[in-house]
Amino acid sequence: EEGLIKSAKKTGKVLVVEEHQLAGGLGSLVSEVLSEHHPVKVKKIGVRDTFGESGTYEELLTKYGISEETIIKEILHGF
């Protein structure tokens, strides 16, 4: 928590990337901690309410919007 809060104070926002369902995941925990200690904008990227599928790792990252390119776009556009 200490490191998360320190980073949020420094940047003013937090981007959480998860390789699984967003509901109840790391982003939820991050949001909970920050809402209590240092509220900032939190953007969560991950799989949204769908069952997993077969494919290469890179294909699945792209399909679910969690590829390197997507993360970079979110950061550059200030989410």
PDB file of N, CA and C in Angstrom:
ATOM      1  N   GLU A   1       0.818  -1.196   0.000  1.00  0.00           N
ATOM      2  CA  GLU A   1       0.000   0.000   0.000  1.00  0.00           C
ATOM      3  C   GLU A   1       0.862   1.260   0.000  1.00  0.00           C
ATOM      4  N   GLU A   2       1.922   1.239   0.793  1.00  0.00           N
ATOM      5  CA  GLU A   2       2.777   2.422   0.905  1.00  0.00           C
ATOM      6  C   GLU A   2       3.364   2.822  -0.446  1.00  0.00           C
ATOM      7  N   GLY A   3       3.878   1.852  -1.191  1.00  0.00           N
ATOM      8  CA  GLY A   3       4.463   2.135  -2.499  1.00  0.00           C
ATOM      9  C   GLY A   3       3.434   2.620  -3.493  1.00  0.00           C
ATOM     10  N   LEU A   4       2.256   2.029  -3.454  1.00  0.00           N
ATOM     11  CA  LEU A   4       1.167   2.419  -4.341  1.00  0.00           C
ATOM     12  C   LEU A   4       0.744   3.857  -4.073  1.00  0.00           C
ATOM     13  N   ILE A   5       0.553   4.189  -2.820  1.00  0.00           N
ATOM     14  CA  ILE A   5       0.131   5.541  -2.442  1.00  0.00           C
ATOM     15  C   ILE A   5       1.209   6.551  -2.814  1.00  0.00           C
ATOM     16  N   LYS A   6       2.457   6.225  -2.568  1.00  0.00           N
ATOM     17  CA  LYS A   6       3.569   7.113  -2.916  1.00  0.00           C
ATOM     18  C   LYS A   6       3.601   7.374  -4.418  1.00  0.00           C
ATOM     19  N   SER A   7       3.429   6.327  -5.217  1.00  0.00           N
ATOM     20  CA  SER A   7       3.417   6.477  -6.672  1.00  0.00           C
ATOM     21  C   SER A   7       2.229   7.312  -7.136  1.00  0.00           C
ATOM     22  N   ALA A   8       1.054   7.076  -6.554  1.00  0.00           N
ATOM     23  CA  ALA A   8      -0.141   7.835  -6.926  1.00  0.00           C
ATOM     24  C   ALA A   8       0.020   9.317  -6.598  1.00  0.00           C
ATOM     25  N   LYS A   9       0.658   9.621  -5.481  1.00  0.00           N
ATOM     26  CA  LYS A   9       0.907  11.022  -5.128  1.00  0.00           C
ATOM     27  C   LYS A   9       1.848  11.679  -6.128  1.00  0.00           C
ATOM     28  N   LYS A  10       2.810  10.907  -6.610  1.00  0.00           N
ATOM     29  CA  LYS A  10       3.803  11.431  -7.561  1.00  0.00           C
ATOM     30  C   LYS A  10       3.205  11.649  -8.950  1.00  0.00           C
ATOM     31  N   THR A  11       2.393  10.703  -9.421  1.00  0.00           N
ATOM     32  CA  THR A  11       1.894  10.755 -10.800  1.00  0.00           C
ATOM     33  C   THR A  11       0.500  11.341 -10.943  1.00  0.00           C
ATOM     34  N   GLY A  12      -0.318  11.251  -9.895  1.00  0.00           N
ATOM     35  CA  GLY A  12      -1.675  11.777  -9.960  1.00  0.00           C
ATOM     36  C   GLY A  12      -2.666  10.853 -10.628  1.00  0.00           C
ATOM     37  N   LYS A  13      -2.220   9.681 -11.068  1.00  0.00           N
ATOM     38  CA  LYS A  13      -3.106   8.694 -11.671  1.00  0.00           C
ATOM     39  C   LYS A  13      -2.402   7.343 -11.698  1.00  0.00           C
ATOM     40  N   VAL A  14      -3.207   6.277 -11.897  1.00  0.00           N
ATOM     41  CA  VAL A  14      -2.667   4.920 -11.874  1.00  0.00           C
ATOM     42  C   VAL A  14      -3.303   4.106 -13.000  1.00  0.00           C
ATOM     43  N   LEU A  15      -2.467   3.380 -13.729  1.00  0.00           N
ATOM     44  CA  LEU A  15      -2.930   2.468 -14.765  1.00  0.00           C
ATOM     45  C   LEU A  15      -2.659   1.042 -14.286  1.00  0.00           C
ATOM     46  N   VAL A  16      -3.717   0.229 -14.212  1.00  0.00           N
ATOM     47  CA  VAL A  16      -3.592  -1.161 -13.773  1.00  0.00           C
ATOM     48  C   VAL A  16      -3.885  -2.057 -14.974  1.00  0.00           C
ATOM     49  N   VAL A  17      -2.957  -2.961 -15.287  1.00  0.00           N
ATOM     50  CA  VAL A  17      -3.126  -3.889 -16.405  1.00  0.00           C
ATOM     51  C   VAL A  17      -3.204  -5.299 -15.842  1.00  0.00           C
ATOM     52  N   GLU A  18      -4.277  -6.012 -16.201  1.00  0.00           N
ATOM     53  CA  GLU A  18      -4.493  -7.366 -15.701  1.00  0.00           C
ATOM     54  C   GLU A  18      -4.686  -8.330 -16.861  1.00  0.00           C
ATOM     55  N   GLU A  19      -4.119  -9.510 -16.763  1.00  0.00           N
ATOM     56  CA  GLU A  19      -4.267 -10.539 -17.791  1.00  0.00           C
ATOM     57  C   GLU A  19      -5.395 -11.508 -17.448  1.00  0.00           C
ATOM     58  N   HIS A  20      -6.444 -10.997 -16.858  1.00  0.00           N
ATOM     59  CA  HIS A  20      -7.601 -11.806 -16.489  1.00  0.00           C
ATOM     60  C   HIS A  20      -8.791 -10.887 -16.288  1.00  0.00           C
ATOM     61  N   GLN A  21      -9.882 -11.419 -15.769  1.00  0.00           N
ATOM     62  CA  GLN A  21     -11.093 -10.627 -15.558  1.00  0.00           C
ATOM     63  C   GLN A  21     -10.828  -9.428 -14.659  1.00  0.00           C
ATOM     64  N   LEU A  22     -11.422  -8.314 -15.007  1.00  0.00           N
ATOM     65  CA  LEU A  22     -11.251  -7.102 -14.207  1.00  0.00           C
ATOM     66  C   LEU A  22     -12.014  -7.167 -12.880  1.00  0.00           C
ATOM     67  N   ALA A  23     -13.198  -7.757 -12.912  1.00  0.00           N
ATOM     68  CA  ALA A  23     -14.042  -7.788 -11.716  1.00  0.00           C
ATOM     69  C   ALA A  23     -13.346  -8.537 -10.583  1.00  0.00           C
ATOM     70  N   GLY A  24     -13.149  -7.849  -9.475  1.00  0.00           N
ATOM     71  CA  GLY A  24     -12.558  -8.469  -8.300  1.00  0.00           C
ATOM     72  C   GLY A  24     -11.064  -8.705  -8.392  1.00  0.00           C
ATOM     73  N   GLY A  25     -10.421  -8.087  -9.360  1.00  0.00           N
ATOM     74  CA  GLY A  25      -8.995  -8.301  -9.552  1.00  0.00           C
ATOM     75  C   GLY A  25      -8.121  -7.259  -8.871  1.00  0.00           C
ATOM     76  N   LEU A  26      -6.898  -7.172  -9.322  1.00  0.00           N
ATOM     77  CA  LEU A  26      -5.924  -6.248  -8.751  1.00  0.00           C
ATOM     78  C   LEU A  26      -6.399  -4.800  -8.839  1.00  0.00           C
ATOM     79  N   GLY A  27      -7.010  -4.432  -9.972  1.00  0.00           N
ATOM     80  CA  GLY A  27      -7.497  -3.066 -10.127  1.00  0.00           C
ATOM     81  C   GLY A  27      -8.519  -2.687  -9.071  1.00  0.00           C
ATOM     82  N   SER A  28      -9.344  -3.640  -8.687  1.00  0.00           N
ATOM     83  CA  SER A  28     -10.337  -3.384  -7.629  1.00  0.00           C
ATOM     84  C   SER A  28      -9.642  -3.093  -6.307  1.00  0.00           C
ATOM     85  N   LEU A  29      -8.614  -3.864  -6.016  1.00  0.00           N
ATOM     86  CA  LEU A  29      -7.867  -3.655  -4.775  1.00  0.00           C
ATOM     87  C   LEU A  29      -7.140  -2.309  -4.797  1.00  0.00           C
ATOM     88  N   VAL A  30      -6.516  -1.992  -5.928  1.00  0.00           N
ATOM     89  CA  VAL A  30      -5.825  -0.711  -6.076  1.00  0.00           C
ATOM     90  C   VAL A  30      -6.811   0.435  -5.876  1.00  0.00           C
ATOM     91  N   SER A  31      -7.975   0.340  -6.515  1.00  0.00           N
ATOM     92  CA  SER A  31      -8.998   1.389  -6.380  1.00  0.00           C
ATOM     93  C   SER A  31      -9.452   1.551  -4.932  1.00  0.00           C
ATOM     94  N   GLU A  32      -9.625   0.434  -4.253  1.00  0.00           N
ATOM     95  CA  GLU A  32     -10.063   0.474  -2.855  1.00  0.00           C
ATOM     96  C   GLU A  32      -9.028   1.175  -1.975  1.00  0.00           C
ATOM     97  N   VAL A  33      -7.775   0.803  -2.127  1.00  0.00           N
ATOM     98  CA  VAL A  33      -6.702   1.408  -1.318  1.00  0.00           C
ATOM     99  C   VAL A  33      -6.608   2.901  -1.588  1.00  0.00           C
ATOM    100  N   LEU A  34      -6.603   3.273  -2.864  1.00  0.00           N
ATOM    101  CA  LEU A  34      -6.446   4.694  -3.195  1.00  0.00           C
ATOM    102  C   LEU A  34      -7.655   5.521  -2.809  1.00  0.00           C
ATOM    103  N   SER A  35      -8.842   4.951  -2.896  1.00  0.00           N
ATOM    104  CA  SER A  35     -10.036   5.718  -2.508  1.00  0.00           C
ATOM    105  C   SER A  35     -10.014   6.059  -1.026  1.00  0.00           C
ATOM    106  N   GLU A  36      -9.373   5.221  -0.239  1.00  0.00           N
ATOM    107  CA  GLU A  36      -9.298   5.466   1.202  1.00  0.00           C
ATOM    108  C   GLU A  36      -8.139   6.374   1.602  1.00  0.00           C
ATOM    109  N   HIS A  37      -7.030   6.306   0.857  1.00  0.00           N
ATOM    110  CA  HIS A  37      -5.819   6.990   1.294  1.00  0.00           C
ATOM    111  C   HIS A  37      -5.366   8.154   0.421  1.00  0.00           C
ATOM    112  N   HIS A  38      -5.619   8.075  -0.884  1.00  0.00           N
ATOM    113  CA  HIS A  38      -5.204   9.164  -1.777  1.00  0.00           C
ATOM    114  C   HIS A  38      -5.964   9.027  -3.097  1.00  0.00           C
ATOM    115  N   PRO A  39      -7.192   9.521  -3.149  1.00  0.00           N
ATOM    116  CA  PRO A  39      -8.001   9.367  -4.363  1.00  0.00           C
ATOM    117  C   PRO A  39      -7.359  10.012  -5.592  1.00  0.00           C
ATOM    118  N   VAL A  40      -7.179   9.209  -6.634  1.00  0.00           N
ATOM    119  CA  VAL A  40      -6.681   9.665  -7.924  1.00  0.00           C
ATOM    120  C   VAL A  40      -7.422   8.893  -9.008  1.00  0.00           C
ATOM    121  N   LYS A  41      -7.264   9.321 -10.254  1.00  0.00           N
ATOM    122  CA  LYS A  41      -7.869   8.615 -11.372  1.00  0.00           C
ATOM    123  C   LYS A  41      -7.184   7.264 -11.533  1.00  0.00           C
ATOM    124  N   VAL A  42      -7.994   6.190 -11.646  1.00  0.00           N
ATOM    125  CA  VAL A  42      -7.480   4.833 -11.851  1.00  0.00           C
ATOM    126  C   VAL A  42      -8.108   4.288 -13.128  1.00  0.00           C
ATOM    127  N   LYS A  43      -7.271   3.838 -14.047  1.00  0.00           N
ATOM    128  CA  LYS A  43      -7.735   3.204 -15.290  1.00  0.00           C
ATOM    129  C   LYS A  43      -7.353   1.736 -15.211  1.00  0.00           C
ATOM    130  N   LYS A  44      -8.314   0.858 -15.486  1.00  0.00           N
ATOM    131  CA  LYS A  44      -8.060  -0.579 -15.454  1.00  0.00           C
ATOM    132  C   LYS A  44      -8.194  -1.150 -16.860  1.00  0.00           C
ATOM    133  N   ILE A  45      -7.189  -1.896 -17.282  1.00  0.00           N
ATOM    134  CA  ILE A  45      -7.223  -2.576 -18.572  1.00  0.00           C
ATOM    135  C   ILE A  45      -7.152  -4.071 -18.286  1.00  0.00           C
ATOM    136  N   GLY A  46      -8.059  -4.841 -18.885  1.00  0.00           N
ATOM    137  CA  GLY A  46      -8.060  -6.282 -18.684  1.00  0.00           C
ATOM    138  C   GLY A  46      -9.201  -6.922 -19.434  1.00  0.00           C
ATOM    139  N   VAL A  47      -9.442  -8.177 -19.161  1.00  0.00           N
ATOM    140  CA  VAL A  47     -10.499  -8.932 -19.824  1.00  0.00           C
ATOM    141  C   VAL A  47     -11.835  -8.530 -19.213  1.00  0.00           C
ATOM    142  N   ARG A  48     -12.782  -8.194 -20.066  1.00  0.00           N
ATOM    143  CA  ARG A  48     -14.078  -7.696 -19.608  1.00  0.00           C
ATOM    144  C   ARG A  48     -15.187  -8.723 -19.835  1.00  0.00           C
ATOM    145  N   ASP A  49     -15.613  -9.359 -18.772  1.00  0.00           N
ATOM    146  CA  ASP A  49     -16.788 -10.238 -18.765  1.00  0.00           C
ATOM    147  C   ASP A  49     -16.906 -11.164 -19.977  1.00  0.00           C
ATOM    148  N   THR A  50     -15.887 -11.939 -20.226  1.00  0.00           N
ATOM    149  CA  THR A  50     -15.935 -12.899 -21.318  1.00  0.00           C
ATOM    150  C   THR A  50     -15.129 -14.131 -20.945  1.00  0.00           C
ATOM    151  N   PHE A  51     -15.459 -15.229 -21.547  1.00  0.00           N
ATOM    152  CA  PHE A  51     -14.700 -16.450 -21.313  1.00  0.00           C
ATOM    153  C   PHE A  51     -13.429 -16.412 -22.146  1.00  0.00           C
ATOM    154  N   GLY A  52     -12.381 -17.044 -21.657  1.00  0.00           N
ATOM    155  CA  GLY A  52     -11.121 -17.100 -22.375  1.00  0.00           C
ATOM    156  C   GLY A  52     -11.244 -17.898 -23.663  1.00  0.00           C
ATOM    157  N   GLU A  53     -10.343 -17.649 -24.585  1.00  0.00           N
ATOM    158  CA  GLU A  53     -10.329 -18.332 -25.871  1.00  0.00           C
ATOM    159  C   GLU A  53      -8.926 -18.841 -26.149  1.00  0.00           C
ATOM    160  N   SER A  54      -8.822 -19.668 -27.169  1.00  0.00           N
ATOM    161  CA  SER A  54      -7.524 -20.184 -27.573  1.00  0.00           C
ATOM    162  C   SER A  54      -6.870 -19.246 -28.572  1.00  0.00           C
ATOM    163  N   GLY A  55      -5.558 -19.202 -28.539  1.00  0.00           N
ATOM    164  CA  GLY A  55      -4.782 -18.391 -29.468  1.00  0.00           C
ATOM    165  C   GLY A  55      -3.393 -18.218 -28.909  1.00  0.00           C
ATOM    166  N   THR A  56      -2.535 -17.564 -29.671  1.00  0.00           N
ATOM    167  CA  THR A  56      -1.200 -17.288 -29.156  1.00  0.00           C
ATOM    168  C   THR A  56      -1.310 -16.212 -28.089  1.00  0.00           C
ATOM    169  N   TYR A  57      -0.316 -16.134 -27.264  1.00  0.00           N
ATOM    170  CA  TYR A  57      -0.295 -15.133 -26.203  1.00  0.00           C
ATOM    171  C   TYR A  57      -0.479 -13.729 -26.780  1.00  0.00           C
ATOM    172  N   GLU A  58       0.268 -13.422 -27.841  1.00  0.00           N
ATOM    173  CA  GLU A  58       0.198 -12.092 -28.454  1.00  0.00           C
ATOM    174  C   GLU A  58      -1.183 -11.819 -29.043  1.00  0.00           C
ATOM    175  N   GLU A  59      -1.790 -12.836 -29.698  1.00  0.00           N
ATOM    176  CA  GLU A  59      -3.132 -12.667 -30.265  1.00  0.00           C
ATOM    177  C   GLU A  59      -4.156 -12.353 -29.177  1.00  0.00           C
ATOM    178  N   LEU A  60      -4.043 -13.055 -28.079  1.00  0.00           N
ATOM    179  CA  LEU A  60      -5.005 -12.847 -26.991  1.00  0.00           C
ATOM    180  C   LEU A  60      -4.812 -11.496 -26.321  1.00  0.00           C
ATOM    181  N   LEU A  61      -3.570 -11.056 -26.161  1.00  0.00           N
ATOM    182  CA  LEU A  61      -3.339  -9.722 -25.599  1.00  0.00           C
ATOM    183  C   LEU A  61      -3.989  -8.659 -26.470  1.00  0.00           C
ATOM    184  N   THR A  62      -3.847  -8.798 -27.781  1.00  0.00           N
ATOM    185  CA  THR A  62      -4.450  -7.835 -28.712  1.00  0.00           C
ATOM    186  C   THR A  62      -5.972  -7.919 -28.663  1.00  0.00           C
ATOM    187  N   LYS A  63      -6.513  -9.146 -28.708  1.00  0.00           N
ATOM    188  CA  LYS A  63      -7.971  -9.325 -28.692  1.00  0.00           C
ATOM    189  C   LYS A  63      -8.617  -8.689 -27.470  1.00  0.00           C
ATOM    190  N   TYR A  64      -7.997  -8.836 -26.319  1.00  0.00           N
ATOM    191  CA  TYR A  64      -8.587  -8.327 -25.080  1.00  0.00           C
ATOM    192  C   TYR A  64      -8.128  -6.916 -24.714  1.00  0.00           C
ATOM    193  N   GLY A  65      -7.388  -6.264 -25.615  1.00  0.00           N
ATOM    194  CA  GLY A  65      -7.011  -4.873 -25.395  1.00  0.00           C
ATOM    195  C   GLY A  65      -5.972  -4.661 -24.318  1.00  0.00           C
ATOM    196  N   ILE A  66      -5.083  -5.646 -24.134  1.00  0.00           N
ATOM    197  CA  ILE A  66      -4.047  -5.502 -23.110  1.00  0.00           C
ATOM    198  C   ILE A  66      -2.652  -5.708 -23.701  1.00  0.00           C
ATOM    199  N   SER A  67      -2.519  -5.405 -24.991  1.00  0.00           N
ATOM    200  CA  SER A  67      -1.220  -5.526 -25.656  1.00  0.00           C
ATOM    201  C   SER A  67      -0.324  -4.350 -25.282  1.00  0.00           C
ATOM    202  N   GLU A  68       0.937  -4.495 -25.587  1.00  0.00           N
ATOM    203  CA  GLU A  68       1.895  -3.418 -25.323  1.00  0.00           C
ATOM    204  C   GLU A  68       1.462  -2.130 -26.013  1.00  0.00           C
ATOM    205  N   GLU A  69       0.984  -2.257 -27.245  1.00  0.00           N
ATOM    206  CA  GLU A  69       0.549  -1.076 -28.002  1.00  0.00           C
ATOM    207  C   GLU A  69      -0.611  -0.361 -27.309  1.00  0.00           C
ATOM    208  N   THR A  70      -1.563  -1.128 -26.804  1.00  0.00           N
ATOM    209  CA  THR A  70      -2.714  -0.546 -26.108  1.00  0.00           C
ATOM    210  C   THR A  70      -2.279   0.179 -24.838  1.00  0.00           C
ATOM    211  N   ILE A  71      -1.387  -0.443 -24.098  1.00  0.00           N
ATOM    212  CA  ILE A  71      -0.901   0.167 -22.855  1.00  0.00           C
ATOM    213  C   ILE A  71      -0.185   1.476 -23.156  1.00  0.00           C
ATOM    214  N   ILE A  72       0.652   1.472 -24.178  1.00  0.00           N
ATOM    215  CA  ILE A  72       1.380   2.693 -24.563  1.00  0.00           C
ATOM    216  C   ILE A  72       0.407   3.796 -24.978  1.00  0.00           C
ATOM    217  N   LYS A  73      -0.614   3.438 -25.781  1.00  0.00           N
ATOM    218  CA  LYS A  73      -1.610   4.434 -26.199  1.00  0.00           C
ATOM    219  C   LYS A  73      -2.317   5.045 -24.987  1.00  0.00           C
ATOM    220  N   GLU A  74      -2.691   4.216 -24.030  1.00  0.00           N
ATOM    221  CA  GLU A  74      -3.368   4.715 -22.821  1.00  0.00           C
ATOM    222  C   GLU A  74      -2.482   5.698 -22.066  1.00  0.00           C
ATOM    223  N   ILE A  75      -1.221   5.355 -21.947  1.00  0.00           N
ATOM    224  CA  ILE A  75      -0.281   6.222 -21.223  1.00  0.00           C
ATOM    225  C   ILE A  75      -0.076   7.537 -21.968  1.00  0.00           C
ATOM    226  N   LEU A  76       0.153   7.453 -23.273  1.00  0.00           N
ATOM    227  CA  LEU A  76       0.421   8.662 -24.061  1.00  0.00           C
ATOM    228  C   LEU A  76      -0.784   9.585 -24.155  1.00  0.00           C
ATOM    229  N   HIS A  77      -1.979   9.013 -24.112  1.00  0.00           N
ATOM    230  CA  HIS A  77      -3.186   9.838 -24.182  1.00  0.00           C
ATOM    231  C   HIS A  77      -3.694  10.249 -22.819  1.00  0.00           C
ATOM    232  N   GLY A  78      -2.934   9.921 -21.777  1.00  0.00           N
ATOM    233  CA  GLY A  78      -3.255  10.398 -20.444  1.00  0.00           C
ATOM    234  C   GLY A  78      -4.482   9.796 -19.804  1.00  0.00           C
ATOM    235  N   PHE A  79      -4.987   8.743 -20.374  1.00  0.00           N
ATOM    236  CA  PHE A  79      -6.236   8.096 -19.932  1.00  0.00           C
ATOM    237  C   PHE A  79      -7.017   9.028 -19.107  1.00  0.00           C
TER     238      PHE A  79
END
